[in-house]
């Protein structure tokens, strides 16, 4: 089995792990590169860490953008029969852990902090989804302004039509605001 050498510096801000736990995580961690425009195919509930690049969650039923995920962010792969898919807006590099491997590492861990950290990541993912709902409840001009304030780290990398889709606005209306 090939063990990935993962740089924990960014995650150290959120997760306290022992060298043994890091080794357990690296033993099940996988890396994948996703080319711009390609869809990422994983299994339901796999935990994803975006190392480089920019991914988007698209609702295939409506073609609407539901969420942007940039470097140093996490995602949870959608349910198998859901209408959601992850697509790369840029060439991207991700790390992921299969859901069963996450459960296995957490079960082996005697460290309650690791379980709490995973719980925090799940809550963070849920809060990111709620943040979008807050934007959708605002008047259009305010939603656009708040988007650029909240997501300034990725806004300039996005096409206006992608932001309009995320905010449930017609692209021509969005550009006139």
Foldseek 3Di string as FASTA:
>chain_A
DDFDDDDCVLVVVQADDDPVLVRLCRVQKDKDKAAAFDWDDDAFFKKKAWQAAKKWKAQQVVRFTQDIAGHRAMDTAHHPPGSIIIGTNHTTMMMIGGPVSLVVSVVPDPDVRRVVSVVVNVVVNVVRNVVLVVLLPDPLVVSLVVCCVVPVVCVVVDDQCNVCRSNVHDSVVNVVD
